[in-house]
Amino acid sequence: HKIEIRQGNLVTQDMRDRIKVGMTQTQVKAALGAPLINDIYHANRWDYLYRLEQKGKVTESQRLTLYFEQGMLARIDDATPLKPAAIPIQEQSNVKN
């Protein structure tokens, strides 16, 4: 038996809908919580990552990256969650382990 492993910040659609360009870092943190990755070299970039592993396989993966300028949300990169089975076979052959 393998356990279910959840890692990171799960951002629901409701949470995502609450953030808008122009919000302050404090407002974003109130809506989403603290980011998973806090990079001292890129203090104006916040990464919210989430991964669910079931029976030893990744079944769900999310990435939301926020960029701030002068303390205000300037850009949102919302990567579409991809399940491993959704990656075309041609792309899988190019993936290096």
PDB file of N, CA and C in Angstrom:
ATOM      1  N   HIS A   1       0.847  -1.186   0.000  1.00  0.00           N
ATOM      2  CA  HIS A   1       0.000   0.000   0.000  1.00  0.00           C
ATOM      3  C   HIS A   1       0.883   1.237   0.000  1.00  0.00           C
ATOM      4  N   LYS A   2       0.622   2.161  -0.918  1.00  0.00           N
ATOM      5  CA  LYS A   2       1.358   3.427  -0.954  1.00  0.00           C
ATOM      6  C   LYS A   2       0.436   4.552  -0.518  1.00  0.00           C
ATOM      7  N   ILE A   3       0.986   5.472   0.272  1.00  0.00           N
ATOM      8  CA  ILE A   3       0.174   6.557   0.788  1.00  0.00           C
ATOM      9  C   ILE A   3       0.043   7.684  -0.237  1.00  0.00           C
ATOM     10  N   GLU A   4      -0.986   8.494  -0.049  1.00  0.00           N
ATOM     11  CA  GLU A   4      -1.222   9.667  -0.878  1.00  0.00           C
ATOM     12  C   GLU A   4      -0.331  10.789  -0.355  1.00  0.00           C
ATOM     13  N   ILE A   5       0.419  11.418  -1.232  1.00  0.00           N
ATOM     14  CA  ILE A   5       1.328  12.484  -0.819  1.00  0.00           C
ATOM     15  C   ILE A   5       0.934  13.778  -1.517  1.00  0.00           C
ATOM     16  N   ARG A   6       0.594  14.773  -0.715  1.00  0.00           N
ATOM     17  CA  ARG A   6       0.275  16.109  -1.233  1.00  0.00           C
ATOM     18  C   ARG A   6       1.406  17.033  -0.816  1.00  0.00           C
ATOM     19  N   GLN A   7       1.918  17.786  -1.794  1.00  0.00           N
ATOM     20  CA  GLN A   7       3.005  18.711  -1.510  1.00  0.00           C
ATOM     21  C   GLN A   7       2.688  20.061  -2.124  1.00  0.00           C
ATOM     22  N   GLY A   8       2.972  21.114  -1.380  1.00  0.00           N
ATOM     23  CA  GLY A   8       2.854  22.455  -1.929  1.00  0.00           C
ATOM     24  C   GLY A   8       1.591  23.184  -1.541  1.00  0.00           C
ATOM     25  N   ASN A   9       1.286  24.212  -2.347  1.00  0.00           N
ATOM     26  CA  ASN A   9       0.136  25.075  -2.136  1.00  0.00           C
ATOM     27  C   ASN A   9      -0.949  24.721  -3.151  1.00  0.00           C
ATOM     28  N   LEU A  10      -2.054  24.149  -2.702  1.00  0.00           N
ATOM     29  CA  LEU A  10      -3.173  23.906  -3.597  1.00  0.00           C
ATOM     30  C   LEU A  10      -3.911  25.226  -3.786  1.00  0.00           C
ATOM     31  N   VAL A  11      -4.017  25.687  -5.021  1.00  0.00           N
ATOM     32  CA  VAL A  11      -4.732  26.916  -5.341  1.00  0.00           C
ATOM     33  C   VAL A  11      -5.986  26.516  -6.102  1.00  0.00           C
ATOM     34  N   THR A  12      -7.141  26.713  -5.474  1.00  0.00           N
ATOM     35  CA  THR A  12      -8.407  26.370  -6.112  1.00  0.00           C
ATOM     36  C   THR A  12      -8.796  27.471  -7.100  1.00  0.00           C
ATOM     37  N   GLN A  13      -9.762  27.189  -7.960  1.00  0.00           N
ATOM     38  CA  GLN A  13     -10.218  28.196  -8.920  1.00  0.00           C
ATOM     39  C   GLN A  13     -10.797  29.403  -8.196  1.00  0.00           C
ATOM     40  N   ASP A  14     -11.492  29.176  -7.088  1.00  0.00           N
ATOM     41  CA  ASP A  14     -12.051  30.272  -6.299  1.00  0.00           C
ATOM     42  C   ASP A  14     -10.938  31.179  -5.769  1.00  0.00           C
ATOM     43  N   MET A  15      -9.862  30.573  -5.271  1.00  0.00           N
ATOM     44  CA  MET A  15      -8.727  31.354  -4.779  1.00  0.00           C
ATOM     45  C   MET A  15      -8.084  32.144  -5.929  1.00  0.00           C
ATOM     46  N   ARG A  16      -7.921  31.479  -7.078  1.00  0.00           N
ATOM     47  CA  ARG A  16      -7.303  32.112  -8.248  1.00  0.00           C
ATOM     48  C   ARG A  16      -8.132  33.298  -8.724  1.00  0.00           C
ATOM     49  N   ASP A  17      -9.454  33.167  -8.664  1.00  0.00           N
ATOM     50  CA  ASP A  17     -10.341  34.243  -9.106  1.00  0.00           C
ATOM     51  C   ASP A  17     -10.258  35.476  -8.213  1.00  0.00           C
ATOM     52  N   ARG A  18      -9.776  35.319  -6.996  1.00  0.00           N
ATOM     53  CA  ARG A  18      -9.672  36.442  -6.061  1.00  0.00           C
ATOM     54  C   ARG A  18      -8.489  37.361  -6.345  1.00  0.00           C
ATOM     55  N   ILE A  19      -7.483  36.880  -7.075  1.00  0.00           N
ATOM     56  CA  ILE A  19      -6.304  37.718  -7.305  1.00  0.00           C
ATOM     57  C   ILE A  19      -6.405  38.425  -8.655  1.00  0.00           C
ATOM     58  N   LYS A  20      -5.973  39.686  -8.664  1.00  0.00           N
ATOM     59  CA  LYS A  20      -6.025  40.521  -9.861  1.00  0.00           C
ATOM     60  C   LYS A  20      -4.740  41.342  -9.951  1.00  0.00           C
ATOM     61  N   VAL A  21      -4.334  41.632 -11.162  1.00  0.00           N
ATOM     62  CA  VAL A  21      -3.184  42.509 -11.376  1.00  0.00           C
ATOM     63  C   VAL A  21      -3.486  43.843 -10.684  1.00  0.00           C
ATOM     64  N   GLY A  22      -2.483  44.376  -9.997  1.00  0.00           N
ATOM     65  CA  GLY A  22      -2.631  45.633  -9.270  1.00  0.00           C
ATOM     66  C   GLY A  22      -2.780  45.458  -7.772  1.00  0.00           C
ATOM     67  N   MET A  23      -2.996  44.212  -7.310  1.00  0.00           N
ATOM     68  CA  MET A  23      -3.114  43.960  -5.875  1.00  0.00           C
ATOM     69  C   MET A  23      -1.741  44.063  -5.211  1.00  0.00           C
ATOM     70  N   THR A  24      -1.739  44.371  -3.925  1.00  0.00           N
ATOM     71  CA  THR A  24      -0.488  44.425  -3.175  1.00  0.00           C
ATOM     72  C   THR A  24      -0.073  43.008  -2.786  1.00  0.00           C
ATOM     73  N   GLN A  25       1.177  42.849  -2.376  1.00  0.00           N
ATOM     74  CA  GLN A  25       1.665  41.549  -1.926  1.00  0.00           C
ATOM     75  C   GLN A  25       0.870  41.071  -0.714  1.00  0.00           C
ATOM     76  N   THR A  26       0.498  41.968   0.153  1.00  0.00           N
ATOM     77  CA  THR A  26      -0.289  41.622   1.342  1.00  0.00           C
ATOM     78  C   THR A  26      -1.657  41.089   0.944  1.00  0.00           C
ATOM     79  N   GLN A  27      -2.303  41.731  -0.035  1.00  0.00           N
ATOM     80  CA  GLN A  27      -3.613  41.273  -0.500  1.00  0.00           C
ATOM     81  C   GLN A  27      -3.521  39.889  -1.137  1.00  0.00           C
ATOM     82  N   VAL A  28      -2.470  39.667  -1.923  1.00  0.00           N
ATOM     83  CA  VAL A  28      -2.284  38.369  -2.568  1.00  0.00           C
ATOM     84  C   VAL A  28      -2.046  37.293  -1.518  1.00  0.00           C
ATOM     85  N   LYS A  29      -1.220  37.601  -0.531  1.00  0.00           N
ATOM     86  CA  LYS A  29      -0.929  36.628   0.527  1.00  0.00           C
ATOM     87  C   LYS A  29      -2.192  36.300   1.321  1.00  0.00           C
ATOM     88  N   ALA A  30      -3.083  37.282   1.504  1.00  0.00           N
ATOM     89  CA  ALA A  30      -4.347  37.032   2.200  1.00  0.00           C
ATOM     90  C   ALA A  30      -5.246  36.102   1.387  1.00  0.00           C
ATOM     91  N   ALA A  31      -5.188  36.204   0.062  1.00  0.00           N
ATOM     92  CA  ALA A  31      -6.034  35.377  -0.809  1.00  0.00           C
ATOM     93  C   ALA A  31      -5.477  33.972  -1.010  1.00  0.00           C
ATOM     94  N   LEU A  32      -4.154  33.858  -1.140  1.00  0.00           N
ATOM     95  CA  LEU A  32      -3.543  32.576  -1.500  1.00  0.00           C
ATOM     96  C   LEU A  32      -2.693  31.942  -0.407  1.00  0.00           C
ATOM     97  N   GLY A  33      -2.323  32.709   0.587  1.00  0.00           N
ATOM     98  CA  GLY A  33      -1.371  32.225   1.580  1.00  0.00           C
ATOM     99  C   GLY A  33       0.045  32.518   1.116  1.00  0.00           C
ATOM    100  N   ALA A  34       1.013  32.119   1.915  1.00  0.00           N
ATOM    101  CA  ALA A  34       2.423  32.366   1.574  1.00  0.00           C
ATOM    102  C   ALA A  34       2.839  31.443   0.432  1.00  0.00           C
ATOM    103  N   PRO A  35       3.691  31.927  -0.463  1.00  0.00           N
ATOM    104  CA  PRO A  35       4.137  31.073  -1.574  1.00  0.00           C
ATOM    105  C   PRO A  35       5.032  29.945  -1.079  1.00  0.00           C
ATOM    106  N   LEU A  36       5.019  28.840  -1.816  1.00  0.00           N
ATOM    107  CA  LEU A  36       5.848  27.688  -1.455  1.00  0.00           C
ATOM    108  C   LEU A  36       7.321  28.028  -1.597  1.00  0.00           C
ATOM    109  N   ILE A  37       7.667  28.715  -2.668  1.00  0.00           N
ATOM    110  CA  ILE A  37       9.070  29.043  -2.924  1.00  0.00           C
ATOM    111  C   ILE A  37       9.274  30.536  -2.726  1.00  0.00           C
ATOM    112  N   ASN A  38      10.232  30.869  -1.871  1.00  0.00           N
ATOM    113  CA  ASN A  38      10.603  32.246  -1.620  1.00  0.00           C
ATOM    114  C   ASN A  38      12.072  32.387  -1.993  1.00  0.00           C
ATOM    115  N   ASP A  39      12.357  32.838  -3.186  1.00  0.00           N
ATOM    116  CA  ASP A  39      13.707  32.922  -3.719  1.00  0.00           C
ATOM    117  C   ASP A  39      14.295  34.305  -3.410  1.00  0.00           C
ATOM    118  N   ILE A  40      15.373  34.342  -2.633  1.00  0.00           N
ATOM    119  CA  ILE A  40      15.958  35.632  -2.263  1.00  0.00           C
ATOM    120  C   ILE A  40      16.545  36.373  -3.460  1.00  0.00           C
ATOM    121  N   TYR A  41      16.860  35.640  -4.526  1.00  0.00           N
ATOM    122  CA  TYR A  41      17.409  36.267  -5.726  1.00  0.00           C
ATOM    123  C   TYR A  41      16.324  36.817  -6.644  1.00  0.00           C
ATOM    124  N   HIS A  42      15.090  36.365  -6.457  1.00  0.00           N
ATOM    125  CA  HIS A  42      13.950  36.830  -7.245  1.00  0.00           C
ATOM    126  C   HIS A  42      12.806  37.169  -6.290  1.00  0.00           C
ATOM    127  N   ALA A  43      13.004  38.166  -5.456  1.00  0.00           N
ATOM    128  CA  ALA A  43      12.029  38.509  -4.424  1.00  0.00           C
ATOM    129  C   ALA A  43      10.700  38.975  -5.012  1.00  0.00           C
ATOM    130  N   ASN A  44      10.698  39.425  -6.257  1.00  0.00           N
ATOM    131  CA  ASN A  44       9.476  39.902  -6.895  1.00  0.00           C
ATOM    132  C   ASN A  44       8.733  38.802  -7.642  1.00  0.00           C
ATOM    133  N   ARG A  45       9.163  37.550  -7.466  1.00  0.00           N
ATOM    134  CA  ARG A  45       8.511  36.403  -8.108  1.00  0.00           C
ATOM    135  C   ARG A  45       8.086  35.423  -7.024  1.00  0.00           C
ATOM    136  N   TRP A  46       6.809  35.080  -7.025  1.00  0.00           N
ATOM    137  CA  TRP A  46       6.282  34.101  -6.080  1.00  0.00           C
ATOM    138  C   TRP A  46       5.793  32.893  -6.860  1.00  0.00           C
ATOM    139  N   ASP A  47       6.188  31.701  -6.417  1.00  0.00           N
ATOM    140  CA  ASP A  47       5.777  30.461  -7.068  1.00  0.00           C
ATOM    141  C   ASP A  47       4.906  29.651  -6.131  1.00  0.00           C
ATOM    142  N   TYR A  48       3.714  29.317  -6.607  1.00  0.00           N
ATOM    143  CA  TYR A  48       2.797  28.442  -5.885  1.00  0.00           C
ATOM    144  C   TYR A  48       2.778  27.122  -6.639  1.00  0.00           C
ATOM    145  N   LEU A  49       3.346  26.103  -6.049  1.00  0.00           N
ATOM    146  CA  LEU A  49       3.440  24.792  -6.676  1.00  0.00           C
ATOM    147  C   LEU A  49       2.628  23.795  -5.874  1.00  0.00           C
ATOM    148  N   TYR A  50       2.030  22.842  -6.573  1.00  0.00           N
ATOM    149  CA  TYR A  50       1.260  21.793  -5.904  1.00  0.00           C
ATOM    150  C   TYR A  50       1.431  20.502  -6.695  1.00  0.00           C
ATOM    151  N   ARG A  51       1.520  19.409  -5.949  1.00  0.00           N
ATOM    152  CA  ARG A  51       1.684  18.098  -6.575  1.00  0.00           C
ATOM    153  C   ARG A  51       1.000  17.053  -5.704  1.00  0.00           C
ATOM    154  N   LEU A  52       0.225  16.193  -6.354  1.00  0.00           N
ATOM    155  CA  LEU A  52      -0.447  15.095  -5.665  1.00  0.00           C
ATOM    156  C   LEU A  52       0.074  13.799  -6.250  1.00  0.00           C
ATOM    157  N   GLU A  53       0.567  12.943  -5.367  1.00  0.00           N
ATOM    158  CA  GLU A  53       1.081  11.633  -5.777  1.00  0.00           C
ATOM    159  C   GLU A  53       0.225  10.561  -5.131  1.00  0.00           C
ATOM    160  N   GLN A  54      -0.323   9.671  -5.970  1.00  0.00           N
ATOM    161  CA  GLN A  54      -1.138   8.570  -5.486  1.00  0.00           C
ATOM    162  C   GLN A  54      -0.575   7.266  -6.036  1.00  0.00           C
ATOM    163  N   LYS A  55      -0.427   6.287  -5.158  1.00  0.00           N
ATOM    164  CA  LYS A  55       0.108   4.976  -5.533  1.00  0.00           C
ATOM    165  C   LYS A  55       1.439   5.101  -6.278  1.00  0.00           C
ATOM    166  N   GLY A  56       2.246   6.044  -5.833  1.00  0.00           N
ATOM    167  CA  GLY A  56       3.579   6.206  -6.399  1.00  0.00           C
ATOM    168  C   GLY A  56       3.639   6.959  -7.711  1.00  0.00           C
ATOM    169  N   LYS A  57       2.511   7.511  -8.182  1.00  0.00           N
ATOM    170  CA  LYS A  57       2.493   8.237  -9.453  1.00  0.00           C
ATOM    171  C   LYS A  57       1.891   9.617  -9.264  1.00  0.00           C
ATOM    172  N   VAL A  58       2.449  10.608  -9.937  1.00  0.00           N
ATOM    173  CA  VAL A  58       1.921  11.965  -9.881  1.00  0.00           C
ATOM    174  C   VAL A  58       0.597  11.986 -10.648  1.00  0.00           C
ATOM    175  N   THR A  59      -0.484  12.358  -9.935  1.00  0.00           N
ATOM    176  CA  THR A  59      -1.798  12.391 -10.565  1.00  0.00           C
ATOM    177  C   THR A  59      -2.282  13.808 -10.812  1.00  0.00           C
ATOM    178  N   GLU A  60      -1.682  14.781 -10.134  1.00  0.00           N
ATOM    179  CA  GLU A  60      -2.080  16.168 -10.328  1.00  0.00           C
ATOM    180  C   GLU A  60      -0.890  17.070 -10.066  1.00  0.00           C
ATOM    181  N   SER A  61      -0.764  18.118 -10.890  1.00  0.00           N
ATOM    182  CA  SER A  61       0.339  19.048 -10.747  1.00  0.00           C
ATOM    183  C   SER A  61      -0.140  20.440 -11.159  1.00  0.00           C
ATOM    184  N   GLN A  62       0.208  21.455 -10.373  1.00  0.00           N
ATOM    185  CA  GLN A  62      -0.173  22.832 -10.668  1.00  0.00           C
ATOM    186  C   GLN A  62       1.030  23.744 -10.487  1.00  0.00           C
ATOM    187  N   ARG A  63       1.041  24.834 -11.247  1.00  0.00           N
ATOM    188  CA  ARG A  63       2.047  25.876 -11.031  1.00  0.00           C
ATOM    189  C   ARG A  63       1.408  27.226 -11.305  1.00  0.00           C
ATOM    190  N   LEU A  64       1.526  28.131 -10.349  1.00  0.00           N
ATOM    191  CA  LEU A  64       1.048  29.498 -10.485  1.00  0.00           C
ATOM    192  C   LEU A  64       2.214  30.387 -10.100  1.00  0.00           C
ATOM    193  N   THR A  65       2.642  31.242 -11.024  1.00  0.00           N
ATOM    194  CA  THR A  65       3.764  32.143 -10.758  1.00  0.00           C
ATOM    195  C   THR A  65       3.265  33.573 -10.842  1.00  0.00           C
ATOM    196  N   LEU A  66       3.575  34.350  -9.816  1.00  0.00           N
ATOM    197  CA  LEU A  66       3.151  35.747  -9.745  1.00  0.00           C
ATOM    198  C   LEU A  66       4.386  36.646  -9.761  1.00  0.00           C
ATOM    199  N   TYR A  67       4.297  37.736 -10.488  1.00  0.00           N
ATOM    200  CA  TYR A  67       5.395  38.694 -10.593  1.00  0.00           C
ATOM    201  C   TYR A  67       4.923  40.044 -10.068  1.00  0.00           C
ATOM    202  N   PHE A  68       5.747  40.647  -9.232  1.00  0.00           N
ATOM    203  CA  PHE A  68       5.425  41.932  -8.619  1.00  0.00           C
ATOM    204  C   PHE A  68       6.395  43.003  -9.086  1.00  0.00           C
ATOM    205  N   GLU A  69       5.884  44.216  -9.231  1.00  0.00           N
ATOM    206  CA  GLU A  69       6.711  45.392  -9.510  1.00  0.00           C
ATOM    207  C   GLU A  69       6.312  46.461  -8.512  1.00  0.00           C
ATOM    208  N   GLN A  70       7.275  46.955  -7.772  1.00  0.00           N
ATOM    209  CA  GLN A  70       7.067  47.970  -6.738  1.00  0.00           C
ATOM    210  C   GLN A  70       5.963  47.559  -5.760  1.00  0.00           C
ATOM    211  N   GLY A  71       5.966  46.273  -5.392  1.00  0.00           N
ATOM    212  CA  GLY A  71       5.030  45.772  -4.391  1.00  0.00           C
ATOM    213  C   GLY A  71       3.629  45.486  -4.897  1.00  0.00           C
ATOM    214  N   MET A  72       3.399  45.659  -6.209  1.00  0.00           N
ATOM    215  CA  MET A  72       2.075  45.429  -6.791  1.00  0.00           C
ATOM    216  C   MET A  72       2.139  44.264  -7.777  1.00  0.00           C
ATOM    217  N   LEU A  73       1.091  43.449  -7.812  1.00  0.00           N
ATOM    218  CA  LEU A  73       1.025  42.326  -8.732  1.00  0.00           C
ATOM    219  C   LEU A  73       0.982  42.846 -10.166  1.00  0.00           C
ATOM    220  N   ALA A  74       1.998  42.449 -10.963  1.00  0.00           N
ATOM    221  CA  ALA A  74       2.124  42.952 -12.325  1.00  0.00           C
ATOM    222  C   ALA A  74       1.778  41.909 -13.383  1.00  0.00           C
ATOM    223  N   ARG A  75       2.007  40.628 -13.075  1.00  0.00           N
ATOM    224  CA  ARG A  75       1.781  39.580 -14.069  1.00  0.00           C
ATOM    225  C   ARG A  75       1.454  38.268 -13.375  1.00  0.00           C
ATOM    226  N   ILE A  76       0.583  37.470 -14.003  1.00  0.00           N
ATOM    227  CA  ILE A  76       0.186  36.169 -13.488  1.00  0.00           C
ATOM    228  C   ILE A  76       0.447  35.135 -14.569  1.00  0.00           C
ATOM    229  N   ASP A  77       1.276  34.141 -14.262  1.00  0.00           N
ATOM    230  CA  ASP A  77       1.488  32.998 -15.156  1.00  0.00           C
ATOM    231  C   ASP A  77       0.801  31.804 -14.516  1.00  0.00           C
ATOM    232  N   ASP A  78      -0.300  31.410 -15.095  1.00  0.00           N
ATOM    233  CA  ASP A  78      -1.118  30.326 -14.550  1.00  0.00           C
ATOM    234  C   ASP A  78      -0.974  29.116 -15.460  1.00  0.00           C
ATOM    235  N   ALA A  79      -0.040  28.236 -15.142  1.00  0.00           N
ATOM    236  CA  ALA A  79       0.187  27.045 -15.961  1.00  0.00           C
ATOM    237  C   ALA A  79      -0.998  26.100 -15.808  1.00  0.00           C
ATOM    238  N   THR A  80      -1.474  25.585 -16.911  1.00  0.00           N
ATOM    239  CA  THR A  80      -2.576  24.640 -16.891  1.00  0.00           C
ATOM    240  C   THR A  80      -2.113  23.348 -16.246  1.00  0.00           C
ATOM    241  N   PRO A  81      -2.841  22.874 -15.234  1.00  0.00           N
ATOM    242  CA  PRO A  81      -2.449  21.600 -14.615  1.00  0.00           C
ATOM    243  C   PRO A  81      -2.472  20.478 -15.648  1.00  0.00           C
ATOM    244  N   LEU A  82      -1.390  19.743 -15.729  1.00  0.00           N
ATOM    245  CA  LEU A  82      -1.303  18.612 -16.657  1.00  0.00           C
ATOM    246  C   LEU A  82      -1.162  17.331 -15.874  1.00  0.00           C
ATOM    247  N   LYS A  83      -1.921  16.350 -16.231  1.00  0.00           N
ATOM    248  CA  LYS A  83      -1.751  15.025 -15.648  1.00  0.00           C
ATOM    249  C   LYS A  83      -0.759  14.288 -16.534  1.00  0.00           C
ATOM    250  N   PRO A  84       0.094  13.435 -15.971  1.00  0.00           N
ATOM    251  CA  PRO A  84       1.102  12.744 -16.771  1.00  0.00           C
ATOM    252  C   PRO A  84       0.530  12.052 -18.006  1.00  0.00           C
ATOM    253  N   ALA A  85      -0.666  11.482 -17.921  1.00  0.00           N
ATOM    254  CA  ALA A  85      -1.260  10.781 -19.059  1.00  0.00           C
ATOM    255  C   ALA A  85      -1.651  11.753 -20.169  1.00  0.00           C
ATOM    256  N   ALA A  86      -1.763  13.054 -19.866  1.00  0.00           N
ATOM    257  CA  ALA A  86      -2.194  14.034 -20.862  1.00  0.00           C
ATOM    258  C   ALA A  86      -1.042  14.485 -21.761  1.00  0.00           C
ATOM    259  N   ILE A  87       0.199  14.125 -21.423  1.00  0.00           N
ATOM    260  CA  ILE A  87       1.344  14.519 -22.236  1.00  0.00           C
ATOM    261  C   ILE A  87       1.394  13.616 -23.463  1.00  0.00           C
ATOM    262  N   PRO A  88       1.390  14.195 -24.677  1.00  0.00           N
ATOM    263  CA  PRO A  88       1.431  13.360 -25.877  1.00  0.00           C
ATOM    264  C   PRO A  88       2.651  12.438 -25.889  1.00  0.00           C
ATOM    265  N   ILE A  89       2.506  11.267 -26.481  1.00  0.00           N
ATOM    266  CA  ILE A  89       3.571  10.264 -26.513  1.00  0.00           C
ATOM    267  C   ILE A  89       4.846  10.828 -27.123  1.00  0.00           C
ATOM    268  N   GLN A  90       4.722  11.644 -28.164  1.00  0.00           N
ATOM    269  CA  GLN A  90       5.897  12.230 -28.807  1.00  0.00           C
ATOM    270  C   GLN A  90       6.699  13.061 -27.805  1.00  0.00           C
ATOM    271  N   GLU A  91       6.016  13.849 -26.971  1.00  0.00           N
ATOM    272  CA  GLU A  91       6.707  14.665 -25.977  1.00  0.00           C
ATOM    273  C   GLU A  91       7.322  13.799 -24.891  1.00  0.00           C
ATOM    274  N   GLN A  92       6.665  12.707 -24.510  1.00  0.00           N
ATOM    275  CA  GLN A  92       7.187  11.841 -23.461  1.00  0.00           C
ATOM    276  C   GLN A  92       8.529  11.261 -23.877  1.00  0.00           C
ATOM    277  N   SER A  93       8.720  10.961 -25.166  1.00  0.00           N
ATOM    278  CA  SER A  93       9.984  10.384 -25.614  1.00  0.00           C
ATOM    279  C   SER A  93      11.123  11.381 -25.541  1.00  0.00           C
ATOM    280  N   ASN A  94      10.790  12.693 -25.506  1.00  0.00           N
ATOM    281  CA  ASN A  94      11.836  13.716 -25.419  1.00  0.00           C
ATOM    282  C   ASN A  94      12.172  14.089 -23.979  1.00  0.00           C
ATOM    283  N   VAL A  95      11.407  13.597 -23.011  1.00  0.00           N
ATOM    284  CA  VAL A  95      11.646  13.896 -21.612  1.00  0.00           C
ATOM    285  C   VAL A  95      12.816  13.076 -21.125  1.00  0.00           C
ATOM    286  N   LYS A  96      13.778  13.755 -20.484  1.00  0.00           N
ATOM    287  CA  LYS A  96      14.953  13.065 -19.947  1.00  0.00           C
ATOM    288  C   LYS A  96      14.766  12.893 -18.436  1.00  0.00           C
ATOM    289  N   ASN A  97      15.131  11.751 -17.938  1.00  0.00           N
ATOM    290  CA  ASN A  97      15.008  11.480 -16.497  1.00  0.00           C
ATOM    291  C   ASN A  97      16.276  11.793 -15.784  1.00  0.00           C
TER     292      ASN A  97
END
